[in-house]
C-alpha atoms as a PDB file:
ATOM      1  CA  GLY A   1     104.442-196.924 162.353  1.00  0.00           C
ATOM      2  CA  ILE A   2     104.533-194.733 165.461  1.00  0.00           C
ATOM      3  CA  LEU A   3     103.167-195.762 168.906  1.00  0.00           C
ATOM      4  CA  LEU A   4     102.389-192.819 171.203  1.00  0.00           C
ATOM      5  CA  VAL A   5     101.911-193.637 174.933  1.00  0.00           C
ATOM      6  CA  ALA A   6     101.256-191.447 177.953  1.00  0.00           C
ATOM      7  CA  GLY A   7     101.386-192.198 181.675  1.00  0.00           C
ATOM      8  CA  THR A   8     101.925-190.594 184.948  1.00  0.00           C
ATOM      9  CA  LEU A   9     104.767-191.634 187.089  1.00  0.00           C
ATOM     10  CA  VAL A  10     104.074-191.234 190.911  1.00  0.00           C
ATOM     11  CA  THR A  11     107.373-192.485 192.015  1.00  0.00           C
ATOM     12  CA  VAL A  12     110.739-192.959 190.478  1.00  0.00           C
ATOM     13  CA  PRO A  13     110.855-196.290 188.592  1.00  0.00           C
ATOM     14  CA  ASP A  14     113.662-198.699 188.756  1.00  0.00           C
ATOM     15  CA  TRP A  15     114.670-197.975 185.065  1.00  0.00           C
ATOM     16  CA  ALA A  16     117.716-200.255 185.170  1.00  0.00           C
ATOM     17  CA  LEU A  17     115.351-203.214 186.142  1.00  0.00           C
ATOM     18  CA  LEU A  18     112.737-202.335 183.645  1.00  0.00           C
ATOM     19  CA  CYS A  19     115.111-201.704 180.854  1.00  0.00           C
ATOM     20  CA  ASP A  20     116.947-204.831 181.551  1.00  0.00           C
ATOM     21  CA  ALA A  21     113.778-206.783 181.546  1.00  0.00           C
ATOM     22  CA  LEU A  22     112.834-205.400 178.116  1.00  0.00           C
ATOM     23  CA  GLY A  23     116.304-206.387 176.743  1.00  0.00           C
ATOM     24  CA  HIS A  24     117.622-202.747 176.569  1.00  0.00           C
ATOM     25  CA  PRO A  25     119.712-202.154 179.690  1.00  0.00           C
ATOM     26  CA  GLU A  26     121.724-199.434 177.921  1.00  0.00           C
ATOM     27  CA  ASP A  27     118.491-197.279 177.941  1.00  0.00           C
ATOM     28  CA  ALA A  28     118.285-196.930 181.704  1.00  0.00           C
ATOM     29  CA  ALA A  29     120.333-193.879 182.083  1.00  0.00           C
ATOM     30  CA  GLU A  30     118.439-192.082 179.265  1.00  0.00           C
ATOM     31  CA  MET A  31     114.974-193.020 180.670  1.00  0.00           C
ATOM     32  CA  GLN A  32     116.113-191.608 183.954  1.00  0.00           C
ATOM     33  CA  ARG A  33     117.243-188.399 182.256  1.00  0.00           C
ATOM     34  CA  ARG A  34     114.049-187.969 180.210  1.00  0.00           C
ATOM     35  CA  THR A  35     111.371-188.641 182.852  1.00  0.00           C
ATOM     36  CA  VAL A  36     110.054-186.985 185.970  1.00  0.00           C
ATOM     37  CA  CYS A  37     107.730-188.139 188.573  1.00  0.00           C
ATOM     38  CA  CYS A  38     105.177-186.547 190.899  1.00  0.00           C
ATOM     39  CA  GLU A  39     107.374-187.065 194.033  1.00  0.00           C
ATOM     40  CA  GLU A  40     110.288-185.289 192.243  1.00  0.00           C
ATOM     41  CA  LEU A  41     108.122-182.232 191.225  1.00  0.00           C
ATOM     42  CA  ALA A  42     106.408-182.024 194.712  1.00  0.00           C
ATOM     43  CA  ARG A  43     109.742-182.629 196.463  1.00  0.00           C
ATOM     44  CA  ARG A  44     108.024-184.805 198.990  1.00  0.00           C
ATOM     45  CA  PRO A  45     106.268-188.225 199.123  1.00  0.00           C
ATOM     46  CA  VAL A  46     103.091-188.424 197.103  1.00  0.00           C
ATOM     47  CA  SER A  47      99.977-190.521 197.717  1.00  0.00           C
ATOM     48  CA  MET A  48      99.101-192.585 194.683  1.00  0.00           C
ATOM     49  CA  GLN A  49      95.418-192.319 195.655  1.00  0.00           C
ATOM     50  CA  ALA A  50      95.635-188.522 195.926  1.00  0.00           C
ATOM     51  CA  VAL A  51      97.170-188.488 192.370  1.00  0.00           C
ATOM     52  CA  VAL A  52      94.487-190.686 190.955  1.00  0.00           C
ATOM     53  CA  SER A  53      91.662-188.851 192.663  1.00  0.00           C
ATOM     54  CA  GLY A  54      93.137-185.418 191.470  1.00  0.00           C
ATOM     55  CA  LEU A  55      93.553-186.765 187.843  1.00  0.00           C
ATOM     56  CA  GLU A  56      90.112-188.313 187.805  1.00  0.00           C
ATOM     57  CA  GLN A  57      88.463-185.121 189.123  1.00  0.00           C
ATOM     58  CA  ALA A  58      90.356-182.902 186.645  1.00  0.00           C
ATOM     59  CA  LEU A  59      89.471-185.129 183.522  1.00  0.00           C
ATOM     60  CA  CYS A  60      86.073-185.490 184.602  1.00  0.00           C
ATOM     61  CA  LYS A  61      85.502-181.755 184.946  1.00  0.00           C
ATOM     62  CA  ARG A  62      87.125-181.091 181.535  1.00  0.00           C
ATOM     63  CA  LEU A  63      85.294-183.870 179.756  1.00  0.00           C
ATOM     64  CA  GLN A  64      81.955-183.635 181.365  1.00  0.00           C
ATOM     65  CA  GLY A  65      81.562-179.998 181.933  1.00  0.00           C
ATOM     66  CA  GLY A  66      82.223-179.903 185.614  1.00  0.00           C
ATOM     67  CA  ALA A  67      80.521-183.211 186.663  1.00  0.00           C
ATOM     68  CA  ASP A  68      82.045-184.788 189.770  1.00  0.00           C
ATOM     69  CA  PRO A  69      83.168-188.536 189.176  1.00  0.00           C
ATOM     70  CA  LYS A  70      81.678-189.711 192.442  1.00  0.00           C
END
């Protein structure tokens, strides 16, 4: 079977710690190479609340024909 998972990284995760905790410390460098976070794309610190709010508004607009989530 195949598992497809999606998520949004706001900050750079500690891949070494996460991969070690999952029993695959050898995957840390590859995870770092294959991922990007909002802060890296913006080239500045990003508010998690701002990211959540923006995603919520964009999804709501797309799924409900422009309705505001608030």
